[in-house]
C-alpha atoms as a PDB file:
ATOM      1  CA  MET A   1      17.880   1.327 -22.282  1.00  0.00           C
ATOM      2  CA  SER A   2      18.243   5.047 -21.643  1.00  0.00           C
ATOM      3  CA  ARG A   3      14.754   5.547 -23.093  1.00  0.00           C
ATOM      4  CA  VAL A   4      13.397   3.282 -20.379  1.00  0.00           C
ATOM      5  CA  PHE A   5      15.139   5.260 -17.651  1.00  0.00           C
ATOM      6  CA  LEU A   6      13.935   8.548 -19.125  1.00  0.00           C
ATOM      7  CA  ALA A   7      10.396   7.177 -19.251  1.00  0.00           C
ATOM      8  CA  LEU A   8      10.657   6.025 -15.645  1.00  0.00           C
ATOM      9  CA  ALA A   9      11.997   9.414 -14.560  1.00  0.00           C
ATOM     10  CA  ALA A  10       9.165  11.169 -16.360  1.00  0.00           C
ATOM     11  CA  LEU A  11       6.619   8.847 -14.782  1.00  0.00           C
ATOM     12  CA  GLY A  12       8.139   9.508 -11.382  1.00  0.00           C
ATOM     13  CA  LEU A  13       7.657  13.216 -11.922  1.00  0.00           C
ATOM     14  CA  ILE A  14       4.083  12.618 -12.983  1.00  0.00           C
ATOM     15  CA  ALA A  15       3.447  10.425  -9.936  1.00  0.00           C
ATOM     16  CA  CYS A  16       4.978  12.927  -7.530  1.00  0.00           C
ATOM     17  CA  GLY A  17       3.648  16.083  -9.119  1.00  0.00           C
ATOM     18  CA  ALA A  18       0.552  17.699  -7.705  1.00  0.00           C
ATOM     19  CA  PRO A  19      -1.869  19.845  -9.673  1.00  0.00           C
ATOM     20  CA  LYS A  20      -1.796  23.590  -9.105  1.00  0.00           C
ATOM     21  CA  ALA A  21      -4.317  24.889  -6.604  1.00  0.00           C
ATOM     22  CA  ARG A  22      -7.277  26.809  -8.052  1.00  0.00           C
ATOM     23  CA  ASP A  23      -9.867  29.050  -6.462  1.00  0.00           C
ATOM     24  CA  GLY A  24     -13.179  27.652  -5.259  1.00  0.00           C
ATOM     25  CA  ALA A  25     -14.226  24.578  -3.344  1.00  0.00           C
ATOM     26  CA  ALA A  26     -15.035  22.612  -6.506  1.00  0.00           C
ATOM     27  CA  ASP A  27     -11.627  23.404  -7.967  1.00  0.00           C
ATOM     28  CA  LYS A  28      -9.918  22.327  -4.732  1.00  0.00           C
ATOM     29  CA  ALA A  29     -11.869  19.080  -4.715  1.00  0.00           C
ATOM     30  CA  SER A  30     -10.968  18.299  -8.325  1.00  0.00           C
ATOM     31  CA  ALA A  31      -7.317  19.232  -7.655  1.00  0.00           C
ATOM     32  CA  SER A  32      -7.302  16.905  -4.647  1.00  0.00           C
ATOM     33  CA  LYS A  33      -8.851  14.116  -6.697  1.00  0.00           C
ATOM     34  CA  ALA A  34      -6.314  14.632  -9.474  1.00  0.00           C
ATOM     35  CA  ALA A  35      -3.462  14.504  -6.952  1.00  0.00           C
ATOM     36  CA  ALA A  36      -4.828  11.265  -5.510  1.00  0.00           C
ATOM     37  CA  ASN A  37      -5.162   9.750  -8.983  1.00  0.00           C
ATOM     38  CA  ALA A  38      -1.670  10.776 -10.172  1.00  0.00           C
ATOM     39  CA  PRO A  39       0.060   7.656  -8.756  1.00  0.00           C
ATOM     40  CA  ILE A  40      -2.615   5.409 -10.269  1.00  0.00           C
ATOM     41  CA  ASP A  41      -2.308   7.137 -13.641  1.00  0.00           C
ATOM     42  CA  ALA A  42       1.472   6.732 -13.491  1.00  0.00           C
ATOM     43  CA  GLN A  43       1.064   3.031 -12.722  1.00  0.00           C
ATOM     44  CA  ARG A  44      -1.259   2.655 -15.697  1.00  0.00           C
ATOM     45  CA  GLU A  45       1.404   4.232 -17.885  1.00  0.00           C
ATOM     46  CA  LEU A  46       3.994   1.774 -16.554  1.00  0.00           C
ATOM     47  CA  VAL A  47       1.665  -1.147 -17.220  1.00  0.00           C
ATOM     48  CA  ASP A  48       1.044   0.146 -20.735  1.00  0.00           C
ATOM     49  CA  LEU A  49       4.720   0.748 -21.569  1.00  0.00           C
ATOM     50  CA  ASN A  50       5.173  -2.843 -22.703  1.00  0.00           C
ATOM     51  CA  ALA A  51       1.832  -3.118 -24.483  1.00  0.00           C
ATOM     52  CA  GLY A  52       2.259  -3.217 -28.241  1.00  0.00           C
ATOM     53  CA  ARG A  53       6.051  -3.080 -28.025  1.00  0.00           C
ATOM     54  CA  PRO A  54       7.172  -6.508 -29.284  1.00  0.00           C
ATOM     55  CA  GLU A  55      10.328  -4.910 -30.727  1.00  0.00           C
ATOM     56  CA  LEU A  56      11.753  -4.444 -27.231  1.00  0.00           C
ATOM     57  CA  ALA A  57      14.145  -7.097 -26.041  1.00  0.00           C
ATOM     58  CA  PRO A  58      13.125  -8.721 -22.719  1.00  0.00           C
ATOM     59  CA  ALA A  59      15.915  -6.835 -20.935  1.00  0.00           C
ATOM     60  CA  GLN A  60      14.437  -3.537 -22.141  1.00  0.00           C
ATOM     61  CA  LYS A  61      10.930  -4.262 -20.946  1.00  0.00           C
ATOM     62  CA  ILE A  62       9.836  -3.156 -17.532  1.00  0.00           C
ATOM     63  CA  GLY A  63       9.188  -5.931 -15.023  1.00  0.00           C
ATOM     64  CA  GLY A  64       8.093  -9.473 -15.455  1.00  0.00           C
ATOM     65  CA  ALA A  65       9.820 -12.630 -16.563  1.00  0.00           C
ATOM     66  CA  GLU A  66      10.540 -13.324 -20.210  1.00  0.00           C
ATOM     67  CA  GLY A  67       9.668  -9.760 -21.148  1.00  0.00           C
ATOM     68  CA  ARG A  68       6.097 -10.027 -19.956  1.00  0.00           C
ATOM     69  CA  SER A  69       4.455  -7.585 -17.645  1.00  0.00           C
ATOM     70  CA  PRO A  70       4.129  -9.157 -14.192  1.00  0.00           C
ATOM     71  CA  PHE A  71       0.338  -8.749 -14.289  1.00  0.00           C
ATOM     72  CA  ALA A  72      -2.274  -8.243 -16.978  1.00  0.00           C
ATOM     73  CA  GLY A  73      -4.019  -4.925 -17.503  1.00  0.00           C
ATOM     74  CA  ASP A  74      -5.164  -2.956 -14.480  1.00  0.00           C
ATOM     75  CA  ARG A  75      -4.726  -5.908 -12.115  1.00  0.00           C
ATOM     76  CA  VAL A  76      -1.410  -4.524 -10.842  1.00  0.00           C
ATOM     77  CA  ILE A  77      -3.078  -1.215 -10.012  1.00  0.00           C
ATOM     78  CA  LYS A  78      -5.609  -2.936  -7.770  1.00  0.00           C
ATOM     79  CA  LEU A  79      -2.909  -5.008  -6.089  1.00  0.00           C
ATOM     80  CA  ASN A  80      -0.622  -2.005  -5.598  1.00  0.00           C
ATOM     81  CA  ALA A  81      -3.481  -0.071  -4.008  1.00  0.00           C
ATOM     82  CA  ILE A  82      -3.888  -2.848  -1.435  1.00  0.00           C
ATOM     83  CA  VAL A  83      -0.151  -2.938  -0.734  1.00  0.00           C
ATOM     84  CA  ARG A  84      -0.117   0.864  -0.456  1.00  0.00           C
ATOM     85  CA  ARG A  85      -2.897   0.741   2.154  1.00  0.00           C
ATOM     86  CA  SER A  86      -0.838  -1.698   4.235  1.00  0.00           C
ATOM     87  CA  LEU A  87       2.241   0.470   3.869  1.00  0.00           C
ATOM     88  CA  GLU A  88       0.330   3.561   4.982  1.00  0.00           C
ATOM     89  CA  VAL A  89      -1.011   1.747   8.045  1.00  0.00           C
ATOM     90  CA  SER A  90       2.477   0.543   8.898  1.00  0.00           C
ATOM     91  CA  ARG A  91       3.980   4.008   8.575  1.00  0.00           C
ATOM     92  CA  GLU A  92       1.215   5.647  10.607  1.00  0.00           C
ATOM     93  CA  PHE A  93       1.510   2.997  13.307  1.00  0.00           C
ATOM     94  CA  ASP A  94       5.292   3.414  13.453  1.00  0.00           C
ATOM     95  CA  LYS A  95       4.803   7.136  14.103  1.00  0.00           C
ATOM     96  CA  ALA A  96       2.135   6.611  16.782  1.00  0.00           C
ATOM     97  CA  ALA A  97       3.601   3.524  18.484  1.00  0.00           C
ATOM     98  CA  PRO A  98       6.153   5.171  20.816  1.00  0.00           C
ATOM     99  CA  ALA A  99       3.504   7.392  22.430  1.00  0.00           C
ATOM    100  CA  ILE A 100       1.020   4.521  22.671  1.00  0.00           C
ATOM    101  CA  ARG A 101       3.590   2.198  24.240  1.00  0.00           C
ATOM    102  CA  ALA A 102       4.648   4.919  26.685  1.00  0.00           C
ATOM    103  CA  ALA A 103       1.022   5.496  27.731  1.00  0.00           C
ATOM    104  CA  ILE A 104       0.467   1.771  28.246  1.00  0.00           C
ATOM    105  CA  ASP A 105       3.735   1.427  30.198  1.00  0.00           C
ATOM    106  CA  ALA A 106       2.697   4.351  32.401  1.00  0.00           C
ATOM    107  CA  ALA A 107      -0.749   2.840  33.019  1.00  0.00           C
ATOM    108  CA  ALA A 108       0.770  -0.555  33.798  1.00  0.00           C
ATOM    109  CA  ALA A 109       2.882   1.217  36.427  1.00  0.00           C
ATOM    110  CA  GLY A 110      -0.230   2.777  37.983  1.00  0.00           C
ATOM    111  CA  GLY A 111      -0.598   5.854  35.775  1.00  0.00           C
ATOM    112  CA  ASP A 112      -3.430   7.202  33.627  1.00  0.00           C
ATOM    113  CA  ARG A 113      -5.473   4.330  32.181  1.00  0.00           C
ATOM    114  CA  VAL A 114      -7.632   6.630  30.047  1.00  0.00           C
ATOM    115  CA  ALA A 115      -4.719   7.566  27.770  1.00  0.00           C
ATOM    116  CA  ALA A 116      -3.574   3.943  27.619  1.00  0.00           C
ATOM    117  CA  GLU A 117      -7.048   2.706  26.700  1.00  0.00           C
ATOM    118  CA  ALA A 118      -7.304   5.386  24.015  1.00  0.00           C
ATOM    119  CA  GLY A 119      -3.934   4.230  22.682  1.00  0.00           C
ATOM    120  CA  LEU A 120      -5.106   0.638  22.653  1.00  0.00           C
ATOM    121  CA  ARG A 121      -8.217   1.682  20.708  1.00  0.00           C
ATOM    122  CA  THR A 122      -5.941   3.441  18.221  1.00  0.00           C
ATOM    123  CA  VAL A 123      -3.904   0.267  17.787  1.00  0.00           C
ATOM    124  CA  GLY A 124      -7.201  -1.558  17.222  1.00  0.00           C
ATOM    125  CA  GLU A 125      -8.087   0.921  14.478  1.00  0.00           C
ATOM    126  CA  PHE A 126      -4.697   0.389  12.840  1.00  0.00           C
ATOM    127  CA  TYR A 127      -5.239  -3.361  13.052  1.00  0.00           C
ATOM    128  CA  ASP A 128      -8.722  -3.090  11.530  1.00  0.00           C
ATOM    129  CA  ARG A 129      -7.276  -1.229   8.546  1.00  0.00           C
ATOM    130  CA  ALA A 130      -4.477  -3.799   8.155  1.00  0.00           C
ATOM    131  CA  LYS A 131      -7.003  -6.648   8.401  1.00  0.00           C
ATOM    132  CA  SER A 132      -9.170  -4.985   5.755  1.00  0.00           C
ATOM    133  CA  ALA A 133      -6.180  -4.809   3.391  1.00  0.00           C
ATOM    134  CA  PHE A 134      -5.337  -8.441   4.215  1.00  0.00           C
ATOM    135  CA  ASP A 135      -8.907  -9.532   3.439  1.00  0.00           C
ATOM    136  CA  ASP A 136      -8.899  -7.527   0.210  1.00  0.00           C
ATOM    137  CA  MET A 137      -5.627  -9.165  -0.839  1.00  0.00           C
ATOM    138  CA  ALA A 138      -7.069 -12.612  -0.144  1.00  0.00           C
ATOM    139  CA  GLU A 139     -10.067 -11.716  -2.312  1.00  0.00           C
ATOM    140  CA  ALA A 140      -7.797 -10.335  -5.045  1.00  0.00           C
ATOM    141  CA  GLU A 141      -5.709 -13.521  -4.895  1.00  0.00           C
ATOM    142  CA  ALA A 142      -8.798 -15.682  -5.369  1.00  0.00           C
ATOM    143  CA  GLU A 143      -9.922 -13.513  -8.297  1.00  0.00           C
ATOM    144  CA  LEU A 144      -6.474 -13.606  -9.891  1.00  0.00           C
ATOM    145  CA  LYS A 145      -6.136 -17.370  -9.617  1.00  0.00           C
ATOM    146  CA  ALA A 146      -9.687 -17.942 -10.884  1.00  0.00           C
ATOM    147  CA  SER A 147      -9.106 -15.629 -13.859  1.00  0.00           C
ATOM    148  CA  GLY A 148      -6.386 -17.772 -15.386  1.00  0.00           C
ATOM    149  CA  GLU A 149      -4.405 -14.610 -16.198  1.00  0.00           C
ATOM    150  CA  TYR A 150      -0.641 -14.725 -16.275  1.00  0.00           C
ATOM    151  CA  TYR A 151       1.069 -13.247 -13.228  1.00  0.00           C
ATOM    152  CA  ASP A 152       4.577 -13.279 -11.842  1.00  0.00           C
ATOM    153  CA  ASP A 153       4.534 -15.646  -8.852  1.00  0.00           C
ATOM    154  CA  ALA A 154       7.518 -14.053  -7.120  1.00  0.00           C
ATOM    155  CA  ILE A 155       6.171 -10.507  -7.318  1.00  0.00           C
ATOM    156  CA  PHE A 156       2.705 -11.579  -6.250  1.00  0.00           C
ATOM    157  CA  TYR A 157       4.138 -13.590  -3.354  1.00  0.00           C
ATOM    158  CA  GLY A 158       6.063 -10.522  -2.191  1.00  0.00           C
ATOM    159  CA  MET A 159       2.910  -8.404  -2.317  1.00  0.00           C
ATOM    160  CA  THR A 160       0.801 -10.910  -0.393  1.00  0.00           C
ATOM    161  CA  LYS A 161       3.552 -11.559   2.149  1.00  0.00           C
ATOM    162  CA  PHE A 162       3.981  -7.842   2.830  1.00  0.00           C
ATOM    163  CA  VAL A 163       0.246  -7.352   3.439  1.00  0.00           C
ATOM    164  CA  ALA A 164       0.074 -10.479   5.609  1.00  0.00           C
ATOM    165  CA  ASP A 165       3.143  -9.444   7.628  1.00  0.00           C
ATOM    166  CA  ILE A 166       1.632  -6.043   8.454  1.00  0.00           C
ATOM    167  CA  GLU A 167      -1.622  -7.689   9.567  1.00  0.00           C
ATOM    168  CA  THR A 168       0.256 -10.217  11.716  1.00  0.00           C
ATOM    169  CA  GLU A 169       2.520  -7.585  13.237  1.00  0.00           C
ATOM    170  CA  LEU A 170      -0.380  -5.352  14.249  1.00  0.00           C
ATOM    171  CA  ARG A 171      -2.468  -8.270  15.557  1.00  0.00           C
ATOM    172  CA  GLU A 172       0.421  -9.404  17.749  1.00  0.00           C
ATOM    173  CA  GLU A 173       1.190  -5.845  18.896  1.00  0.00           C
ATOM    174  CA  LYS A 174      -2.457  -5.275  19.788  1.00  0.00           C
ATOM    175  CA  ALA A 175      -2.562  -8.498  21.813  1.00  0.00           C
ATOM    176  CA  ALA A 176       0.732  -7.751  23.587  1.00  0.00           C
ATOM    177  CA  LEU A 177      -0.305  -4.218  24.522  1.00  0.00           C
ATOM    178  CA  ALA A 178      -3.728  -5.383  25.711  1.00  0.00           C
ATOM    179  CA  ALA A 179      -2.070  -8.046  27.871  1.00  0.00           C
ATOM    180  CA  LYS A 180       0.337  -5.489  29.292  1.00  0.00           C
ATOM    181  CA  LEU A 181      -2.553  -3.186  30.140  1.00  0.00           C
ATOM    182  CA  GLY A 182      -4.388  -6.113  31.693  1.00  0.00           C
ATOM    183  CA  GLY A 183      -7.393  -6.188  29.451  1.00  0.00           C
END
């Protein structure tokens, strides 16, 4: 069991570590690409930890019911990327929301409509990104179900619910702020 925790700790370091900066634009671009791919590479390692390890007891394996990985192959990487996009939108919106709401409240009270309309456009952009992730998850769900691959229903439900909740939350926020602004 301690081997599993050590492996997870090492993978966490890999996922969080960034490559050292090098001189030159090409080196910076490849360093940036490597940093962006580090979490995906770490996920691939997690997916592969159980592969070819039938000697592990189900309790020692990472994720999944009955000692199986929750998803086959790289499927989890694609799904996690969609969930990550929704999470990023949610976090960015949470940071921007107080200023946007304040601008809309001020405009509703007779203040500057330009700032409020810009804020509403920003909310629309957040919503568009959340809707894109939602649509991609619906497509991934159709592909997964058509493939006949094994997948953990509970984990997949949690992923789809999270993406759907972000889309719903931003759609409702956009509508409420537009109504408050009067347009």
